[in-house]
Each structure stands twice: as C-alpha cells, then as structure tokens.
C-alpha cells in the first residue's frame, strides 16, 4: 500500500553490497559442488543459478520476476504443489539458499535478518500502514526478549526456493499481514503491488461514504457535524481514479488479501477525531499558530498540521507513522486542512 524507502534515506547500494557479500560466495560454492558431481541431475539449472547469482541476490523485483519465469519456462522447474516440494531437488535448493540460518541469526554479530531490518529502517508495515514494526534487541544473554519486523517473501519461498534469500523479495512487514493474511498466497509483480515498485499513491485514496447516501456526499463538509459520535453512519472506502486496468486489478488484489477495507473500518474513531480537530482548529487558527510559533516550534505550516493531526500528510513520510495514508486522504477529501 505504501512504498519502502520513499524518501530515499536508506543507502540501498550499501545494503545490496552487504547482502551480496554475505551470500554470494557461499551459495556459489554449494552450486559448484552440485555442478561438478558426475552425472549430476539438473546441471544446466544449477549452472544458470550460479551464473545469475548476483541478479538472484540483489536484482530488483522486475529482474526476479524474469528469473522466475525463465526457470519455469526454460527448465520446467516449478514447486507449486506439495508433491513437488518432496523432491530431492527442492530439498537441495532449501539447503543451498539457507534462509533459515539467515532469519534465525542472533545475536546479530553478522549479516542476518536483524541487520537487514535495521538497515532498511522500515518502522511501519508497507502492506497495511496500520502496524508498527519497530526492532528491539539486547546484549543480555539471559534476556531473550527481542522483536523485529517479519520478513515476507513477496514471491513465496515454498514456490520459489531459489528466491528465498533475494534482497528485494524480503519485505519487512507486520505479523498480521505476513502470517495471518498473506501466508503462502502466490504473489507476482504482475498480480500484486510490490512495496519496492508501487503504492496506492494518488490514484487510490481512502474516503468516507455515508450509509444513507442522502445525508452527506463525499467531500461535502457543510453537514460534517452530522458525523460526530456516529461512526456507524458511514463507512471507509477506497476511491479509484486510476485509468490503468492492470494497476487497478493489482490494487484490488492487495486490498482483498490484506483485508484493507475490513480492517480500516475498525478505524472510524480516527476519522471522527480528524473531523473534531477540524472544528477546534480552523484554517485561521492554523495560520495563527504558525505565525506565533514560527521558528520556535514550527518550521512550516505543515508542521502545525502534523501536530494537530498527530500524523504526516506528505507522500514521502507515509512510512513514518501508522495510519498516515488514511490521515492524508481524509484530510484532503473533507478539506480539513490545505497543505
């Protein structure tokens, strides 16, 4: 729903370098042993993996998609059912691309899941924008308390075991989106939004629809007081102004898998709070606060709005706080504040 590293504050070149350095040599050695075995089965396939190791490990999502299609088409290798996952080839790939070792590495003295999550600095789930994904580690060997973002495999690692350790296939997200909702669903960049590639953006926005259509039209603030304390009178919807049918379908698929509409309709209190703040803080009061405290508390009028809404209202900041996307969209639709 929102992009990872939208503000380009993360040095992805450095992250790619560390990820590649950690995996490349070890995996190539394992593949060479397979290739060098007399009468080795799947030797062309293993050779392809070895020769494209850098693309596999740090290739962008579009590159990973090409690799997955090449392997399925040219080598006829796929693991889309339980029977195929019992084969020796599948078990070999699990060992070669040792994701389990990477994800369980702790304490984080070497490159592992904790280091990756820390470097990416993803503090809000990109799939739902509802849950924080802060990381907590400690140096006390007697204290086992720790937490970090889950790492979802955009291309399911059961179906694509050779992409299990691919950097741009590892999406830091919340446990609800990763385990409870997405699970092993078959995602590709052709069918779903990839947080490193796309987001809802300006074409898909949260809005309010009255259950009784005669009481308030979208964007009409003349009867806005009608909503006070009456969250059951409206529903939160997603408005679509997209002209690209492929993008529209991908958004629809994401919304369905991650139950965006259902879950966001549990946040009606957040919308009601925004409406109340509109009444308390008029446009003139926003200007007055800015003029009074400019240079002290606020460096821009936007800072005042951020304080009032308790959230960010710029696209590049949507990954900094939960519910930032809906805050931005509702403020715009109901003309609560003009940034």
Protein backbone atom coordinates (compact mmCIF):
# COMPACT_ATOMS: atom_id res chain seq x y z
CA UNK A 1 0.00 0.00 0.00
CA UNK A 2 2.93 2.36 0.70
CA UNK A 3 6.46 2.34 -0.68
CA UNK A 4 9.60 1.23 1.11
CA UNK A 5 12.26 3.96 1.23
CA UNK A 6 10.04 6.52 -0.49
CA UNK A 7 12.21 9.35 0.84
CA UNK A 8 15.43 7.65 -0.39
CA UNK A 9 17.04 7.99 3.04
CA UNK A 10 18.29 4.38 3.02
CA UNK A 11 21.51 3.71 1.12
CA UNK A 12 20.32 0.68 -0.83
CA UNK A 13 23.68 0.35 -2.60
CA UNK A 14 25.29 -0.33 0.78
CA UNK A 15 22.54 -2.77 1.76
CA UNK A 16 22.94 -4.61 -1.55
CA UNK A 17 26.71 -4.81 -1.08
CA UNK A 18 26.42 -6.33 2.41
CA UNK A 19 23.73 -8.78 1.32
CA UNK A 20 25.72 -9.89 -1.72
CA UNK A 21 28.95 -10.23 0.25
CA UNK A 22 27.24 -12.42 2.85
CA UNK A 23 25.60 -14.87 0.45
CA UNK A 24 27.28 -14.94 -2.94
CA UNK A 25 30.47 -16.92 -2.29
CA UNK A 26 28.80 -19.49 -0.02
CA UNK A 27 25.95 -20.20 -2.42
CA UNK A 28 28.22 -20.40 -5.48
CA UNK A 29 30.44 -22.93 -3.69
CA UNK A 30 27.40 -25.12 -2.99
CA UNK A 31 26.25 -24.83 -6.60
CA UNK A 32 29.71 -25.68 -7.94
CA UNK A 33 29.71 -28.87 -5.89
CA UNK A 34 26.39 -29.82 -7.46
CA UNK A 35 27.56 -28.95 -10.94
CA UNK A 36 30.83 -30.86 -10.52
CA UNK A 37 29.15 -34.08 -9.45
CA UNK A 38 29.43 -36.79 -12.09
CA UNK A 39 26.14 -37.33 -13.91
CA UNK A 40 24.59 -34.57 -11.81
CA UNK A 41 20.91 -34.11 -12.49
CA UNK A 42 19.69 -30.59 -13.26
CA UNK A 43 23.24 -29.45 -14.08
CA UNK A 44 22.01 -26.79 -16.60
CA UNK A 45 19.63 -25.44 -13.98
CA UNK A 46 22.32 -25.23 -11.29
CA UNK A 47 24.64 -23.59 -13.81
CA UNK A 48 22.00 -20.97 -14.60
CA UNK A 49 21.60 -20.20 -10.90
CA UNK A 50 25.36 -19.85 -10.44
CA UNK A 51 25.81 -17.62 -13.47
CA UNK A 52 22.97 -15.34 -12.39
CA UNK A 53 23.73 -15.30 -8.67
CA UNK A 54 24.15 -11.55 -8.38
CA UNK A 55 20.79 -10.94 -10.07
CA UNK A 56 19.16 -13.52 -7.81
CA UNK A 57 20.55 -11.98 -4.64
CA UNK A 58 20.22 -8.25 -5.30
CA UNK A 59 18.23 -7.96 -8.53
CA UNK A 60 15.24 -5.60 -8.45
CA UNK A 61 11.73 -7.12 -8.37
CA UNK A 62 11.41 -6.96 -12.17
CA UNK A 63 14.64 -8.95 -12.51
CA UNK A 64 13.46 -11.56 -10.01
CA UNK A 65 10.24 -11.92 -11.97
CA UNK A 66 12.20 -12.59 -15.17
CA UNK A 67 14.31 -15.20 -13.39
CA UNK A 68 11.24 -16.99 -12.03
CA UNK A 69 9.64 -17.07 -15.49
CA UNK A 70 12.89 -18.25 -17.10
CA UNK A 71 13.31 -21.14 -14.67
CA UNK A 72 9.73 -22.26 -15.11
CA UNK A 73 9.74 -21.87 -18.89
CA UNK A 74 13.23 -22.96 -19.95
CA UNK A 75 13.90 -25.61 -17.32
CA UNK A 76 10.36 -26.68 -16.50
CA UNK A 77 11.07 -26.36 -12.79
CA UNK A 78 8.21 -25.35 -10.53
CA UNK A 79 7.18 -26.11 -6.96
CA UNK A 80 3.55 -25.15 -6.95
CA UNK A 81 2.23 -28.25 -5.18
CA UNK A 82 3.11 -30.32 -2.12
CA UNK A 83 4.29 -33.30 -4.16
CA UNK A 84 6.96 -31.25 -5.97
CA UNK A 85 8.21 -30.00 -2.60
CA UNK A 86 9.07 -33.52 -1.56
CA UNK A 87 11.59 -33.99 -4.36
CA UNK A 88 15.34 -34.12 -3.82
CA UNK A 89 15.79 -31.00 -5.97
CA UNK A 90 13.55 -28.98 -3.71
CA UNK A 91 15.40 -30.15 -0.60
CA UNK A 92 18.72 -29.31 -2.23
CA UNK A 93 17.58 -25.77 -3.00
CA UNK A 94 16.43 -25.25 0.58
CA UNK A 95 19.95 -26.13 1.75
CA UNK A 96 21.71 -24.09 -0.91
CA UNK A 97 19.67 -20.93 -0.25
CA UNK A 98 19.80 -21.27 3.52
CA UNK A 99 17.14 -18.79 4.56
CA UNK A 100 16.60 -20.41 7.94
CA UNK A 101 20.15 -19.63 9.02
CA UNK A 102 19.78 -16.04 7.86
CA UNK A 103 16.48 -15.40 9.61
CA UNK A 104 17.43 -17.05 12.93
CA UNK A 105 20.89 -15.48 13.27
CA UNK A 106 21.06 -13.94 16.76
CA UNK A 107 22.69 -12.16 18.45
CA UNK A 108 23.22 -10.05 15.33
CA UNK A 109 27.01 -10.20 15.09
CA UNK A 110 26.90 -10.95 11.35
CA UNK A 111 24.60 -10.13 8.46
CA UNK A 112 21.16 -11.54 9.13
CA UNK A 113 17.50 -10.63 9.38
CA UNK A 114 18.06 -8.21 12.26
CA UNK A 115 20.77 -6.31 10.42
CA UNK A 116 18.69 -6.15 7.25
CA UNK A 117 15.61 -4.84 9.04
CA UNK A 118 17.73 -2.32 10.92
CA UNK A 119 19.39 -1.05 7.74
CA UNK A 120 16.09 -0.72 5.86
CA UNK A 121 14.57 1.26 8.75
CA UNK A 122 11.02 0.18 7.90
CA UNK A 123 9.07 1.12 11.03
CA UNK A 124 5.55 0.77 9.59
CA UNK A 125 4.13 -2.20 7.70
CA UNK A 126 4.12 -1.28 3.97
CA UNK A 127 1.28 -3.68 3.23
CA UNK A 128 -1.29 -2.17 5.63
CA UNK A 129 0.19 1.03 7.14
CA UNK A 130 -1.61 0.03 10.36
CA UNK A 131 1.08 -1.67 12.44
CA UNK A 132 4.47 -0.52 13.70
CA UNK A 133 7.40 -2.85 13.05
CA UNK A 134 9.97 -1.46 15.48
CA UNK A 135 13.00 -3.59 16.31
CA UNK A 136 14.20 -4.34 19.85
CA UNK A 137 17.38 -6.27 20.59
CA UNK A 138 19.53 -6.61 23.69
CA UNK A 139 23.02 -7.70 24.68
CA UNK A 140 21.98 -9.59 27.82
CA UNK A 141 22.27 -13.35 27.10
CA UNK A 142 19.78 -14.04 29.89
CA UNK A 143 17.17 -11.71 28.39
CA UNK A 144 15.52 -13.42 25.42
CA UNK A 145 13.15 -10.55 24.74
CA UNK A 146 13.56 -9.28 21.20
CA UNK A 147 11.40 -8.33 18.26
CA UNK A 148 11.67 -7.14 14.68
CA UNK A 149 9.58 -6.84 11.56
CA UNK A 150 8.60 -10.13 9.92
CA UNK A 151 10.19 -10.78 6.54
CA UNK A 152 7.56 -11.68 3.99
CA UNK A 153 8.64 -13.40 0.80
CA UNK A 154 6.79 -11.50 -1.92
CA UNK A 155 7.48 -14.50 -4.15
CA UNK A 156 6.59 -17.29 -1.76
CA UNK A 157 9.72 -19.15 -0.69
CA UNK A 158 7.91 -22.50 -0.85
CA UNK A 159 7.14 -21.98 -4.54
CA UNK A 160 10.37 -20.15 -5.38
CA UNK A 161 13.04 -21.57 -3.01
CA UNK A 162 15.83 -20.09 -5.16
CA UNK A 163 14.48 -16.61 -4.28
CA UNK A 164 14.39 -17.31 -0.54
CA UNK A 165 17.34 -15.03 0.20
CA UNK A 166 16.81 -12.46 -2.55
CA UNK A 167 17.04 -8.99 -1.04
CA UNK A 168 14.13 -7.45 -2.93
CA UNK A 169 11.97 -10.48 -2.22
CA UNK A 170 12.18 -9.85 1.53
CA UNK A 171 9.51 -7.37 2.63
CA UNK A 172 9.66 -6.14 6.25
CA UNK A 173 6.07 -6.15 7.45
CA UNK A 174 3.80 -6.87 10.40
CA UNK A 175 2.92 -10.35 11.58
CA UNK A 176 -0.77 -9.89 10.73
CA UNK A 177 -0.07 -9.20 7.06
CA UNK A 178 2.68 -11.80 6.81
CA UNK A 179 1.24 -14.79 8.66
CA UNK A 180 -2.46 -14.21 9.25
CA UNK A 181 -3.38 -12.79 5.84
CA UNK A 182 -0.85 -13.33 3.04
CA UNK A 183 0.68 -16.61 4.13
CA UNK A 184 1.71 -18.59 1.05
CA UNK A 185 -0.53 -16.78 -1.44
CA UNK A 186 1.00 -16.65 -4.91
CA UNK A 187 2.15 -13.06 -5.48
CA UNK A 188 3.97 -11.73 -8.56
CA UNK A 189 4.64 -8.21 -9.80
CA UNK A 190 2.01 -8.89 -12.47
CA UNK A 191 -0.72 -9.61 -9.93
CA UNK A 192 0.03 -7.57 -6.80
CA UNK A 193 1.62 -4.30 -5.69
CA UNK A 194 5.27 -4.70 -4.70
CA UNK A 195 6.37 -2.20 -1.98
CA UNK A 196 9.67 -1.59 -3.76
CA UNK A 197 7.86 -0.79 -7.02
CA UNK A 198 4.37 0.61 -6.46
CA UNK A 199 1.98 2.03 -3.89
CA UNK A 200 -1.62 3.27 -3.72
CA UNK A 201 -0.38 6.79 -4.45
CA UNK A 202 -2.74 9.47 -5.73
CA UNK A 203 -4.90 7.11 -7.77
CA UNK A 204 -6.26 5.16 -4.80
CA UNK A 205 -7.38 7.11 -1.75
CA UNK A 206 -9.36 6.48 1.40
CA UNK A 207 -12.68 8.26 1.62
CA UNK A 208 -15.96 8.38 3.50
CA UNK A 209 -19.31 7.18 2.18
CA UNK A 210 -22.47 7.73 4.20
CA UNK A 211 -24.53 4.60 4.57
CA UNK A 212 -27.52 6.84 3.89
CA UNK A 213 -26.38 8.50 0.67
CA UNK A 214 -28.78 11.43 1.13
CA UNK A 215 -27.11 12.67 4.30
CA UNK A 216 -23.61 13.56 3.16
CA UNK A 217 -21.88 13.43 -0.19
CA UNK A 218 -18.14 12.76 -0.49
CA UNK A 219 -16.21 15.96 0.10
CA UNK A 220 -19.25 17.90 1.35
CA UNK A 221 -18.29 19.49 4.67
CA UNK A 222 -21.47 21.52 5.12
CA UNK A 223 -23.03 18.78 7.24
CA UNK A 224 -19.83 17.50 8.76
CA UNK A 225 -21.19 17.81 12.29
CA UNK A 226 -23.60 15.01 11.44
CA UNK A 227 -20.73 12.55 11.80
CA UNK A 228 -19.90 13.49 15.41
CA UNK A 229 -20.01 10.38 17.52
CA UNK A 230 -21.74 8.44 14.76
CA UNK A 231 -19.13 6.15 13.28
CA UNK A 232 -21.85 3.66 12.45
CA UNK A 233 -23.38 6.14 10.00
CA UNK A 234 -20.54 5.92 7.47
CA UNK A 235 -18.02 3.50 6.04
CA UNK A 236 -14.42 3.94 4.98
CA UNK A 237 -13.91 3.18 1.30
CA UNK A 238 -11.13 3.32 -1.27
CA UNK A 239 -11.69 5.70 -4.16
CA UNK A 240 -10.22 4.85 -7.54
CA UNK A 241 -9.26 7.38 -10.20
CA UNK A 242 -6.83 5.06 -11.96
CA UNK A 243 -7.02 4.65 -15.73
CA UNK A 244 -4.66 1.67 -15.85
CA UNK A 245 -6.71 -1.57 -15.64
CA UNK A 246 -3.64 -3.66 -14.73
CA UNK A 247 -2.72 -1.40 -11.81
CA UNK A 248 -6.35 -1.29 -10.71
CA UNK A 249 -6.51 -5.08 -10.58
CA UNK A 250 -3.28 -5.30 -8.60
CA UNK A 251 -4.63 -2.84 -6.05
CA UNK A 252 -7.86 -4.81 -5.87
CA UNK A 253 -5.89 -7.99 -5.21
CA UNK A 254 -3.85 -6.35 -2.43
CA UNK A 255 -6.96 -4.88 -0.84
CA UNK A 256 -8.59 -8.31 -0.84
CA UNK A 257 -5.63 -10.27 0.52
CA UNK A 258 -4.76 -7.81 3.29
CA UNK A 259 -8.40 -7.08 4.15
CA UNK A 260 -7.74 -3.36 3.87
CA UNK A 261 -11.36 -2.20 3.76
CA UNK A 262 -12.46 -4.52 6.55
CA UNK A 263 -9.60 -3.58 8.87
CA UNK A 264 -9.73 0.14 8.16
CA UNK A 265 -13.40 0.25 9.03
CA UNK A 266 -12.25 -0.50 12.58
CA UNK A 267 -10.50 2.89 12.50
CA UNK A 268 -13.60 5.08 12.21
CA UNK A 269 -12.69 6.68 15.53
CA UNK A 270 -9.57 8.04 13.83
CA UNK A 271 -11.70 9.73 11.15
CA UNK A 272 -14.05 11.16 13.78
CA UNK A 273 -11.06 12.59 15.65
CA UNK A 274 -9.90 14.33 12.46
CA UNK A 275 -13.34 15.88 11.99
CA UNK A 276 -13.41 17.11 15.58
CA UNK A 277 -9.98 18.65 15.13
CA UNK A 278 -11.28 20.48 12.08
CA UNK A 279 -13.88 22.19 14.25
CA UNK A 280 -11.40 23.00 17.02
CA UNK A 281 -8.65 24.22 14.68
CA UNK A 282 -9.94 26.35 11.83
CA UNK A 283 -7.73 27.41 8.94
CA UNK A 284 -7.25 30.82 10.55
CA UNK A 285 -6.19 29.16 13.80
CA UNK A 286 -3.67 27.03 11.94
CA UNK A 287 -2.20 30.19 10.44
CA UNK A 288 -2.23 31.91 13.82
CA UNK A 289 -0.34 29.04 15.48
CA UNK A 290 2.22 29.03 12.73
CA UNK A 291 2.74 32.78 12.85
CA UNK A 292 3.01 32.79 16.63
CA UNK A 293 5.46 29.90 16.96
CA UNK A 294 7.27 30.04 13.63
CA UNK A 295 10.98 29.39 14.14
CA UNK A 296 10.35 28.03 17.64
CA UNK A 297 8.00 25.06 17.41
CA UNK A 298 7.23 25.06 13.73
CA UNK A 299 9.41 25.47 10.66
CA UNK A 300 6.44 25.37 8.27
CA UNK A 301 2.65 25.46 8.24
CA UNK A 302 2.78 21.74 7.55
CA UNK A 303 4.37 21.25 10.98
CA UNK A 304 1.27 22.76 12.57
CA UNK A 305 -0.99 20.38 10.66
CA UNK A 306 1.25 17.47 11.65
CA UNK A 307 0.84 18.42 15.29
CA UNK A 308 -2.93 18.75 15.02
CA UNK A 309 -3.49 15.50 13.13
CA UNK A 310 -0.73 13.67 15.04
CA UNK A 311 0.48 12.37 11.71
CA UNK A 312 2.31 13.16 8.48
CA UNK A 313 0.45 14.41 5.44
CA UNK A 314 3.14 14.18 2.75
CA UNK A 315 3.64 11.14 0.48
CA UNK A 316 7.32 10.78 1.32
CA UNK A 317 6.51 10.46 5.04
CA UNK A 318 3.82 7.79 4.89
CA UNK A 319 6.20 5.13 6.18
CA UNK A 320 6.96 7.01 9.39
CA UNK A 321 3.68 6.60 11.26
CA UNK A 322 0.75 4.22 11.21
CA UNK A 323 -2.47 5.44 9.55
CA UNK A 324 -0.56 8.16 7.70
CA UNK A 325 -2.17 7.32 4.35
CA UNK A 326 -5.75 7.49 5.60
CA UNK A 327 -4.96 10.69 7.53
CA UNK A 328 -3.65 12.33 4.37
CA UNK A 329 -6.56 11.18 2.23
CA UNK A 330 -9.37 12.05 4.67
CA UNK A 331 -7.88 15.49 5.30
CA UNK A 332 -7.89 16.08 1.56
CA UNK A 333 -11.37 14.71 0.86
CA UNK A 334 -13.08 16.61 3.68
CA UNK A 335 -10.90 19.70 3.13
CA UNK A 336 -9.86 19.54 6.75
CA UNK A 337 -6.55 21.25 6.10
CA UNK A 338 -4.86 22.55 2.97
CA UNK A 339 -1.14 21.74 2.86
